[in-house]
C-alpha atoms as a PDB file:
ATOM      1  CA  UNK A   1       0.000   0.000   0.000  1.00  0.00           C
ATOM      2  CA  UNK A   2       1.148   3.527  -0.734  1.00  0.00           C
ATOM      3  CA  UNK A   3       0.742   6.548   1.553  1.00  0.00           C
ATOM      4  CA  UNK A   4      -2.490   7.696  -0.115  1.00  0.00           C
ATOM      5  CA  UNK A   5      -4.052   4.272   0.396  1.00  0.00           C
ATOM      6  CA  UNK A   6      -2.959   4.168   4.018  1.00  0.00           C
ATOM      7  CA  UNK A   7      -4.734   7.495   4.556  1.00  0.00           C
ATOM      8  CA  UNK A   8      -7.825   6.609   2.500  1.00  0.00           C
ATOM      9  CA  UNK A   9      -8.425   3.355   4.365  1.00  0.00           C
ATOM     10  CA  UNK A  10      -7.044   4.453   7.744  1.00  0.00           C
ATOM     11  CA  UNK A  11     -10.354   4.270   9.617  1.00  0.00           C
ATOM     12  CA  UNK A  12     -10.758   0.566   8.878  1.00  0.00           C
ATOM     13  CA  UNK A  13      -7.051  -0.276   9.059  1.00  0.00           C
ATOM     14  CA  UNK A  14      -7.093   0.876  12.697  1.00  0.00           C
ATOM     15  CA  UNK A  15      -9.635  -1.828  13.566  1.00  0.00           C
ATOM     16  CA  UNK A  16      -7.783  -4.425  15.718  1.00  0.00           C
ATOM     17  CA  UNK A  17      -9.188  -7.440  13.868  1.00  0.00           C
ATOM     18  CA  UNK A  18      -8.721  -5.892  10.428  1.00  0.00           C
ATOM     19  CA  UNK A  19      -5.441  -4.002  10.212  1.00  0.00           C
ATOM     20  CA  UNK A  20      -3.157  -3.734   7.201  1.00  0.00           C
ATOM     21  CA  UNK A  21      -3.539  -7.469   6.544  1.00  0.00           C
ATOM     22  CA  UNK A  22      -7.284  -7.135   6.053  1.00  0.00           C
ATOM     23  CA  UNK A  23      -6.867  -4.100   3.847  1.00  0.00           C
ATOM     24  CA  UNK A  24      -4.279  -5.813   1.687  1.00  0.00           C
ATOM     25  CA  UNK A  25      -6.629  -8.784   1.317  1.00  0.00           C
ATOM     26  CA  UNK A  26      -9.288  -6.449  -0.098  1.00  0.00           C
ATOM     27  CA  UNK A  27      -6.829  -4.750  -2.443  1.00  0.00           C
ATOM     28  CA  UNK A  28      -5.814  -8.158  -3.824  1.00  0.00           C
ATOM     29  CA  UNK A  29      -9.419  -9.284  -4.349  1.00  0.00           C
ATOM     30  CA  UNK A  30     -11.684  -9.658  -7.383  1.00  0.00           C
ATOM     31  CA  UNK A  31     -15.431  -9.503  -6.654  1.00  0.00           C
ATOM     32  CA  UNK A  32     -18.199 -10.229  -9.157  1.00  0.00           C
ATOM     33  CA  UNK A  33     -21.408  -8.243  -8.568  1.00  0.00           C
ATOM     34  CA  UNK A  34     -24.365  -9.616 -10.500  1.00  0.00           C
ATOM     35  CA  UNK A  35     -26.932  -6.849 -10.831  1.00  0.00           C
ATOM     36  CA  UNK A  36     -26.428  -3.071 -10.772  1.00  0.00           C
ATOM     37  CA  UNK A  37     -29.854  -2.272  -9.364  1.00  0.00           C
ATOM     38  CA  UNK A  38     -31.250  -1.679  -5.895  1.00  0.00           C
ATOM     39  CA  UNK A  39     -29.056  -4.229  -4.097  1.00  0.00           C
ATOM     40  CA  UNK A  40     -26.004  -4.003  -6.327  1.00  0.00           C
ATOM     41  CA  UNK A  41     -25.820  -0.225  -5.938  1.00  0.00           C
ATOM     42  CA  UNK A  42     -25.050  -0.008  -2.192  1.00  0.00           C
ATOM     43  CA  UNK A  43     -23.054  -3.246  -2.265  1.00  0.00           C
ATOM     44  CA  UNK A  44     -20.770  -2.022  -5.066  1.00  0.00           C
ATOM     45  CA  UNK A  45     -20.431   1.467  -3.582  1.00  0.00           C
ATOM     46  CA  UNK A  46     -19.282   0.179  -0.208  1.00  0.00           C
ATOM     47  CA  UNK A  47     -16.967  -2.433  -1.711  1.00  0.00           C
ATOM     48  CA  UNK A  48     -15.295   0.175  -3.918  1.00  0.00           C
ATOM     49  CA  UNK A  49     -15.058   2.630  -1.031  1.00  0.00           C
ATOM     50  CA  UNK A  50     -13.535  -0.073   1.189  1.00  0.00           C
ATOM     51  CA  UNK A  51     -10.796  -0.738  -1.340  1.00  0.00           C
ATOM     52  CA  UNK A  52     -11.684  -3.949  -3.165  1.00  0.00           C
ATOM     53  CA  UNK A  53      -9.053  -4.157  -5.902  1.00  0.00           C
ATOM     54  CA  UNK A  54     -11.235  -5.373  -8.768  1.00  0.00           C
ATOM     55  CA  UNK A  55     -14.999  -5.125  -9.176  1.00  0.00           C
ATOM     56  CA  UNK A  56     -16.751  -6.810 -12.084  1.00  0.00           C
ATOM     57  CA  UNK A  57     -20.300  -5.485 -12.536  1.00  0.00           C
ATOM     58  CA  UNK A  58     -22.658  -7.545 -14.732  1.00  0.00           C
ATOM     59  CA  UNK A  59     -26.111  -6.320 -15.805  1.00  0.00           C
ATOM     60  CA  UNK A  60     -27.898  -6.304 -19.176  1.00  0.00           C
ATOM     61  CA  UNK A  61     -30.351  -3.488 -18.377  1.00  0.00           C
ATOM     62  CA  UNK A  62     -30.407   0.260 -19.054  1.00  0.00           C
ATOM     63  CA  UNK A  63     -31.153   3.025 -16.553  1.00  0.00           C
ATOM     64  CA  UNK A  64     -34.838   3.967 -16.377  1.00  0.00           C
ATOM     65  CA  UNK A  65     -36.496   6.847 -14.546  1.00  0.00           C
ATOM     66  CA  UNK A  66     -38.268   4.387 -12.231  1.00  0.00           C
ATOM     67  CA  UNK A  67     -34.865   3.026 -11.113  1.00  0.00           C
ATOM     68  CA  UNK A  68     -33.687   6.284  -9.567  1.00  0.00           C
ATOM     69  CA  UNK A  69     -35.878   5.943  -6.482  1.00  0.00           C
ATOM     70  CA  UNK A  70     -33.579   3.226  -5.103  1.00  0.00           C
ATOM     71  CA  UNK A  71     -30.684   2.435  -7.471  1.00  0.00           C
ATOM     72  CA  UNK A  72     -28.220   4.961  -6.101  1.00  0.00           C
ATOM     73  CA  UNK A  73     -25.419   4.151  -8.538  1.00  0.00           C
ATOM     74  CA  UNK A  74     -27.353   6.052 -11.213  1.00  0.00           C
ATOM     75  CA  UNK A  75     -28.427   9.667 -11.732  1.00  0.00           C
ATOM     76  CA  UNK A  76     -30.927  11.573 -13.845  1.00  0.00           C
ATOM     77  CA  UNK A  77     -28.469  12.128 -16.694  1.00  0.00           C
ATOM     78  CA  UNK A  78     -27.762   8.367 -16.868  1.00  0.00           C
ATOM     79  CA  UNK A  79     -31.276   7.521 -18.114  1.00  0.00           C
ATOM     80  CA  UNK A  80     -30.984   5.329 -21.200  1.00  0.00           C
ATOM     81  CA  UNK A  81     -27.353   4.425 -20.485  1.00  0.00           C
ATOM     82  CA  UNK A  82     -26.378   0.806 -19.714  1.00  0.00           C
ATOM     83  CA  UNK A  83     -26.438   0.378 -15.948  1.00  0.00           C
ATOM     84  CA  UNK A  84     -22.950  -1.081 -15.914  1.00  0.00           C
ATOM     85  CA  UNK A  85     -21.517   1.984 -17.671  1.00  0.00           C
ATOM     86  CA  UNK A  86     -23.293   4.304 -15.245  1.00  0.00           C
ATOM     87  CA  UNK A  87     -22.042   2.154 -12.365  1.00  0.00           C
ATOM     88  CA  UNK A  88     -18.468   2.271 -13.653  1.00  0.00           C
ATOM     89  CA  UNK A  89     -18.560   6.072 -13.884  1.00  0.00           C
ATOM     90  CA  UNK A  90     -19.893   6.422 -10.344  1.00  0.00           C
ATOM     91  CA  UNK A  91     -17.534   3.893  -8.770  1.00  0.00           C
ATOM     92  CA  UNK A  92     -14.462   5.235 -10.553  1.00  0.00           C
ATOM     93  CA  UNK A  93     -15.294   8.753  -9.366  1.00  0.00           C
ATOM     94  CA  UNK A  94     -15.624   7.408  -5.815  1.00  0.00           C
ATOM     95  CA  UNK A  95     -12.371   5.416  -5.812  1.00  0.00           C
ATOM     96  CA  UNK A  96     -10.066   5.426  -8.853  1.00  0.00           C
ATOM     97  CA  UNK A  97      -7.912   2.755  -7.155  1.00  0.00           C
ATOM     98  CA  UNK A  98     -10.602   0.146  -7.790  1.00  0.00           C
ATOM     99  CA  UNK A  99     -10.421  -1.447 -11.239  1.00  0.00           C
ATOM    100  CA  UNK A 100     -13.994  -1.639 -12.604  1.00  0.00           C
ATOM    101  CA  UNK A 101     -15.003  -4.057 -15.358  1.00  0.00           C
ATOM    102  CA  UNK A 102     -18.453  -3.419 -16.862  1.00  0.00           C
ATOM    103  CA  UNK A 103     -20.220  -6.391 -18.468  1.00  0.00           C
ATOM    104  CA  UNK A 104     -23.363  -5.249 -20.290  1.00  0.00           C
ATOM    105  CA  UNK A 105     -24.785  -8.745 -20.596  1.00  0.00           C
ATOM    106  CA  UNK A 106     -26.817 -11.353 -18.767  1.00  0.00           C
ATOM    107  CA  UNK A 107     -24.296 -13.912 -17.588  1.00  0.00           C
ATOM    108  CA  UNK A 108     -25.424 -17.422 -18.440  1.00  0.00           C
ATOM    109  CA  UNK A 109     -24.027 -20.906 -18.980  1.00  0.00           C
ATOM    110  CA  UNK A 110     -20.288 -21.220 -19.480  1.00  0.00           C
ATOM    111  CA  UNK A 111     -19.825 -17.439 -19.545  1.00  0.00           C
ATOM    112  CA  UNK A 112     -21.333 -17.210 -16.070  1.00  0.00           C
ATOM    113  CA  UNK A 113     -19.244 -20.101 -14.819  1.00  0.00           C
ATOM    114  CA  UNK A 114     -16.049 -18.587 -16.226  1.00  0.00           C
ATOM    115  CA  UNK A 115     -16.670 -15.215 -14.565  1.00  0.00           C
ATOM    116  CA  UNK A 116     -17.515 -16.869 -11.245  1.00  0.00           C
ATOM    117  CA  UNK A 117     -14.362 -18.992 -11.456  1.00  0.00           C
ATOM    118  CA  UNK A 118     -12.212 -15.865 -11.813  1.00  0.00           C
ATOM    119  CA  UNK A 119     -13.799 -14.180  -8.786  1.00  0.00           C
ATOM    120  CA  UNK A 120     -12.736 -14.489  -5.168  1.00  0.00           C
ATOM    121  CA  UNK A 121     -16.354 -13.851  -4.135  1.00  0.00           C
ATOM    122  CA  UNK A 122     -19.725 -13.294  -5.816  1.00  0.00           C
ATOM    123  CA  UNK A 123     -22.425 -10.830  -4.767  1.00  0.00           C
ATOM    124  CA  UNK A 124     -25.814 -11.981  -6.061  1.00  0.00           C
ATOM    125  CA  UNK A 125     -27.822  -8.770  -6.367  1.00  0.00           C
ATOM    126  CA  UNK A 126     -30.156 -10.103  -9.057  1.00  0.00           C
ATOM    127  CA  UNK A 127     -33.941  -9.864  -8.957  1.00  0.00           C
ATOM    128  CA  UNK A 128     -35.126 -13.269 -10.173  1.00  0.00           C
ATOM    129  CA  UNK A 129     -34.938 -16.888  -9.057  1.00  0.00           C
ATOM    130  CA  UNK A 130     -33.596 -18.265 -12.347  1.00  0.00           C
ATOM    131  CA  UNK A 131     -30.479 -16.124 -12.045  1.00  0.00           C
ATOM    132  CA  UNK A 132     -30.063 -16.913  -8.355  1.00  0.00           C
ATOM    133  CA  UNK A 133     -30.207 -20.655  -8.979  1.00  0.00           C
ATOM    134  CA  UNK A 134     -27.743 -20.395 -11.873  1.00  0.00           C
ATOM    135  CA  UNK A 135     -25.316 -18.258  -9.869  1.00  0.00           C
ATOM    136  CA  UNK A 136     -25.540 -20.638  -6.929  1.00  0.00           C
ATOM    137  CA  UNK A 137     -24.761 -23.646  -9.108  1.00  0.00           C
ATOM    138  CA  UNK A 138     -21.758 -21.879 -10.662  1.00  0.00           C
ATOM    139  CA  UNK A 139     -20.460 -20.957  -7.205  1.00  0.00           C
ATOM    140  CA  UNK A 140     -20.812 -24.524  -5.940  1.00  0.00           C
ATOM    141  CA  UNK A 141     -19.069 -25.926  -9.017  1.00  0.00           C
ATOM    142  CA  UNK A 142     -16.154 -23.482  -8.722  1.00  0.00           C
ATOM    143  CA  UNK A 143     -16.093 -23.418  -4.890  1.00  0.00           C
ATOM    144  CA  UNK A 144     -16.573 -19.638  -4.852  1.00  0.00           C
ATOM    145  CA  UNK A 145     -18.067 -17.850  -1.807  1.00  0.00           C
ATOM    146  CA  UNK A 146     -21.506 -16.361  -2.480  1.00  0.00           C
ATOM    147  CA  UNK A 147     -23.275 -13.516  -0.681  1.00  0.00           C
ATOM    148  CA  UNK A 148     -26.947 -13.617  -1.643  1.00  0.00           C
ATOM    149  CA  UNK A 149     -29.530 -10.923  -0.952  1.00  0.00           C
ATOM    150  CA  UNK A 150     -33.132 -10.212  -1.857  1.00  0.00           C
ATOM    151  CA  UNK A 151     -35.621  -7.471  -1.035  1.00  0.00           C
ATOM    152  CA  UNK A 152     -39.226  -6.643  -1.889  1.00  0.00           C
ATOM    153  CA  UNK A 153     -41.894  -4.350  -0.419  1.00  0.00           C
ATOM    154  CA  UNK A 154     -40.580  -3.659   3.118  1.00  0.00           C
ATOM    155  CA  UNK A 155     -38.837  -7.000   3.560  1.00  0.00           C
ATOM    156  CA  UNK A 156     -35.374  -8.337   2.868  1.00  0.00           C
ATOM    157  CA  UNK A 157     -33.061 -11.258   3.495  1.00  0.00           C
ATOM    158  CA  UNK A 158     -29.373 -12.033   3.187  1.00  0.00           C
ATOM    159  CA  UNK A 159     -27.129 -15.055   3.665  1.00  0.00           C
ATOM    160  CA  UNK A 160     -23.615 -16.296   2.924  1.00  0.00           C
ATOM    161  CA  UNK A 161     -22.855 -19.591   1.231  1.00  0.00           C
ATOM    162  CA  UNK A 162     -19.355 -21.082   1.432  1.00  0.00           C
ATOM    163  CA  UNK A 163     -18.993 -24.031  -0.971  1.00  0.00           C
ATOM    164  CA  UNK A 164     -16.407 -26.508   0.188  1.00  0.00           C
ATOM    165  CA  UNK A 165     -16.932 -25.734   3.867  1.00  0.00           C
ATOM    166  CA  UNK A 166     -18.176 -28.607   6.040  1.00  0.00           C
ATOM    167  CA  UNK A 167     -21.963 -28.553   6.496  1.00  0.00           C
ATOM    168  CA  UNK A 168     -22.355 -25.266   4.593  1.00  0.00           C
ATOM    169  CA  UNK A 169     -25.666 -25.226   2.686  1.00  0.00           C
ATOM    170  CA  UNK A 170     -26.159 -23.647  -0.725  1.00  0.00           C
ATOM    171  CA  UNK A 171     -28.960 -21.436  -2.026  1.00  0.00           C
ATOM    172  CA  UNK A 172     -30.701 -24.504  -3.508  1.00  0.00           C
ATOM    173  CA  UNK A 173     -30.908 -26.005  -0.003  1.00  0.00           C
ATOM    174  CA  UNK A 174     -33.033 -22.981   0.943  1.00  0.00           C
ATOM    175  CA  UNK A 175     -35.327 -22.804  -2.094  1.00  0.00           C
ATOM    176  CA  UNK A 176     -36.499 -25.407  -4.565  1.00  0.00           C
ATOM    177  CA  UNK A 177     -36.614 -24.480  -8.216  1.00  0.00           C
ATOM    178  CA  UNK A 178     -40.182 -23.833  -9.347  1.00  0.00           C
ATOM    179  CA  UNK A 179     -41.409 -23.760  -5.737  1.00  0.00           C
ATOM    180  CA  UNK A 180     -41.623 -20.000  -5.288  1.00  0.00           C
ATOM    181  CA  UNK A 181     -43.698 -17.573  -7.359  1.00  0.00           C
ATOM    182  CA  UNK A 182     -41.672 -14.937  -9.176  1.00  0.00           C
ATOM    183  CA  UNK A 183     -41.884 -11.624  -7.318  1.00  0.00           C
ATOM    184  CA  UNK A 184     -40.481  -8.371  -8.637  1.00  0.00           C
ATOM    185  CA  UNK A 185     -40.342  -4.803  -7.408  1.00  0.00           C
ATOM    186  CA  UNK A 186     -42.235  -3.747 -10.538  1.00  0.00           C
ATOM    187  CA  UNK A 187     -45.182  -5.915  -9.490  1.00  0.00           C
ATOM    188  CA  UNK A 188     -45.012  -5.557  -5.705  1.00  0.00           C
ATOM    189  CA  UNK A 189     -43.170  -2.324  -4.971  1.00  0.00           C
ATOM    190  CA  UNK A 190     -40.164  -1.601  -2.770  1.00  0.00           C
ATOM    191  CA  UNK A 191     -39.290   1.083  -0.236  1.00  0.00           C
ATOM    192  CA  UNK A 192     -35.891   2.448  -1.240  1.00  0.00           C
ATOM    193  CA  UNK A 193     -34.015   2.205   2.115  1.00  0.00           C
ATOM    194  CA  UNK A 194     -34.825  -1.519   2.325  1.00  0.00           C
ATOM    195  CA  UNK A 195     -32.559  -2.402  -0.607  1.00  0.00           C
ATOM    196  CA  UNK A 196     -29.970  -0.020   0.857  1.00  0.00           C
ATOM    197  CA  UNK A 197     -29.998  -1.939   4.128  1.00  0.00           C
ATOM    198  CA  UNK A 198     -29.770  -5.391   2.532  1.00  0.00           C
ATOM    199  CA  UNK A 199     -27.174  -4.344  -0.052  1.00  0.00           C
ATOM    200  CA  UNK A 200     -25.028  -2.763   2.677  1.00  0.00           C
ATOM    201  CA  UNK A 201     -25.133  -5.988   4.690  1.00  0.00           C
ATOM    202  CA  UNK A 202     -24.085  -7.888   1.571  1.00  0.00           C
ATOM    203  CA  UNK A 203     -21.035  -5.619   1.319  1.00  0.00           C
ATOM    204  CA  UNK A 204     -20.276  -6.100   5.021  1.00  0.00           C
ATOM    205  CA  UNK A 205     -20.486  -9.883   4.760  1.00  0.00           C
ATOM    206  CA  UNK A 206     -18.318  -9.865   1.640  1.00  0.00           C
ATOM    207  CA  UNK A 207     -15.612  -7.859   3.424  1.00  0.00           C
ATOM    208  CA  UNK A 208     -15.766 -10.214   6.406  1.00  0.00           C
ATOM    209  CA  UNK A 209     -15.349 -13.272   4.187  1.00  0.00           C
ATOM    210  CA  UNK A 210     -12.501 -11.744   2.175  1.00  0.00           C
ATOM    211  CA  UNK A 211     -10.617 -10.372   5.192  1.00  0.00           C
ATOM    212  CA  UNK A 212     -11.339 -13.308   7.508  1.00  0.00           C
ATOM    213  CA  UNK A 213     -13.116 -10.980   9.915  1.00  0.00           C
ATOM    214  CA  UNK A 214     -15.517 -12.199  12.615  1.00  0.00           C
ATOM    215  CA  UNK A 215     -18.377 -14.627  12.028  1.00  0.00           C
ATOM    216  CA  UNK A 216     -20.284 -14.527   8.748  1.00  0.00           C
ATOM    217  CA  UNK A 217     -23.888 -15.425   7.955  1.00  0.00           C
ATOM    218  CA  UNK A 218     -22.858 -18.833   6.621  1.00  0.00           C
ATOM    219  CA  UNK A 219     -25.447 -21.335   7.841  1.00  0.00           C
ATOM    220  CA  UNK A 220     -27.866 -18.553   8.755  1.00  0.00           C
ATOM    221  CA  UNK A 221     -30.553 -16.550   6.993  1.00  0.00           C
ATOM    222  CA  UNK A 222     -30.961 -12.976   8.242  1.00  0.00           C
ATOM    223  CA  UNK A 223     -34.474 -11.673   7.611  1.00  0.00           C
ATOM    224  CA  UNK A 224     -35.483  -8.006   7.886  1.00  0.00           C
ATOM    225  CA  UNK A 225     -39.002  -6.632   8.397  1.00  0.00           C
ATOM    226  CA  UNK A 226     -38.856  -2.927   7.634  1.00  0.00           C
ATOM    227  CA  UNK A 227     -42.452  -2.244   8.645  1.00  0.00           C
ATOM    228  CA  UNK A 228     -41.707  -3.059  12.277  1.00  0.00           C
ATOM    229  CA  UNK A 229     -37.898  -2.713  12.044  1.00  0.00           C
ATOM    230  CA  UNK A 230     -37.381  -6.260  13.275  1.00  0.00           C
ATOM    231  CA  UNK A 231     -34.658  -8.780  12.489  1.00  0.00           C
ATOM    232  CA  UNK A 232     -34.782 -12.555  12.653  1.00  0.00           C
ATOM    233  CA  UNK A 233     -31.884 -14.979  12.276  1.00  0.00           C
ATOM    234  CA  UNK A 234     -32.753 -18.503  11.187  1.00  0.00           C
ATOM    235  CA  UNK A 235     -30.388 -21.466  10.988  1.00  0.00           C
ATOM    236  CA  UNK A 236     -29.897 -23.073   7.589  1.00  0.00           C
ATOM    237  CA  UNK A 237     -28.883 -26.691   7.291  1.00  0.00           C
ATOM    238  CA  UNK A 238     -27.363 -28.392   4.320  1.00  0.00           C
ATOM    239  CA  UNK A 239     -29.757 -30.688   2.479  1.00  0.00           C
ATOM    240  CA  UNK A 240     -28.020 -34.059   1.907  1.00  0.00           C
ATOM    241  CA  UNK A 241     -30.378 -34.630  -1.031  1.00  0.00           C
ATOM    242  CA  UNK A 242     -29.704 -31.230  -2.618  1.00  0.00           C
ATOM    243  CA  UNK A 243     -29.177 -31.751  -6.377  1.00  0.00           C
ATOM    244  CA  UNK A 244     -26.549 -28.995  -6.433  1.00  0.00           C
ATOM    245  CA  UNK A 245     -24.380 -29.479  -3.336  1.00  0.00           C
ATOM    246  CA  UNK A 246     -25.621 -32.791  -1.906  1.00  0.00           C
ATOM    247  CA  UNK A 247     -22.670 -34.776  -3.276  1.00  0.00           C
ATOM    248  CA  UNK A 248     -20.144 -31.975  -2.839  1.00  0.00           C
ATOM    249  CA  UNK A 249     -16.800 -33.076  -1.399  1.00  0.00           C
ATOM    250  CA  UNK A 250     -15.898 -31.050   1.704  1.00  0.00           C
END
């Protein structure tokens, strides 16, 4: 680290359990953020601000006026621009030390698997179950840590999945494909601070995993009720019959 970096990150370097070792771990890290919307915005902003060395942002959508209520990576003059390009501009302005790669595409199949394999950690900030299941499978196959979040209306949830760790479940252990009805913010609404809260926790958990800090949400599902400002933590167990991670070698 140079002198400017020591000053920029000084407030977290001074943390006893973080220090220069934790900061260097972030600087040496590549994180894949899938989705540059309501969850991906705060997650990417805090990861860039904290000094993650490389951020890869993947999203195939363009900025729309209805996004600006909650997707804080984007501004009025970004309407019509690919979200990943808007995100790159914002993140680079925040921290030019972070190398931003913008992928204006929906990652699928082998392309998804290849990007996940190159990452040290994946943030799933997508808004649909098909993508979440695909990302989870790619993370299990490549043994890549996954921080998954979701939010709708005034509710949100977040968890950490660590493939390769003994007894660690995967996202497919939590939900069965085809079991849950598709729910989107466009159909059900969302209060903007809710995605900010969940996305910020995703960034926090990612930093903890990457820097080896404290205890993560692996094996737990953290659920937020914004209407009553209540939190619940539920234990998640690995499903031995899970078609994705059930036969995984630990």
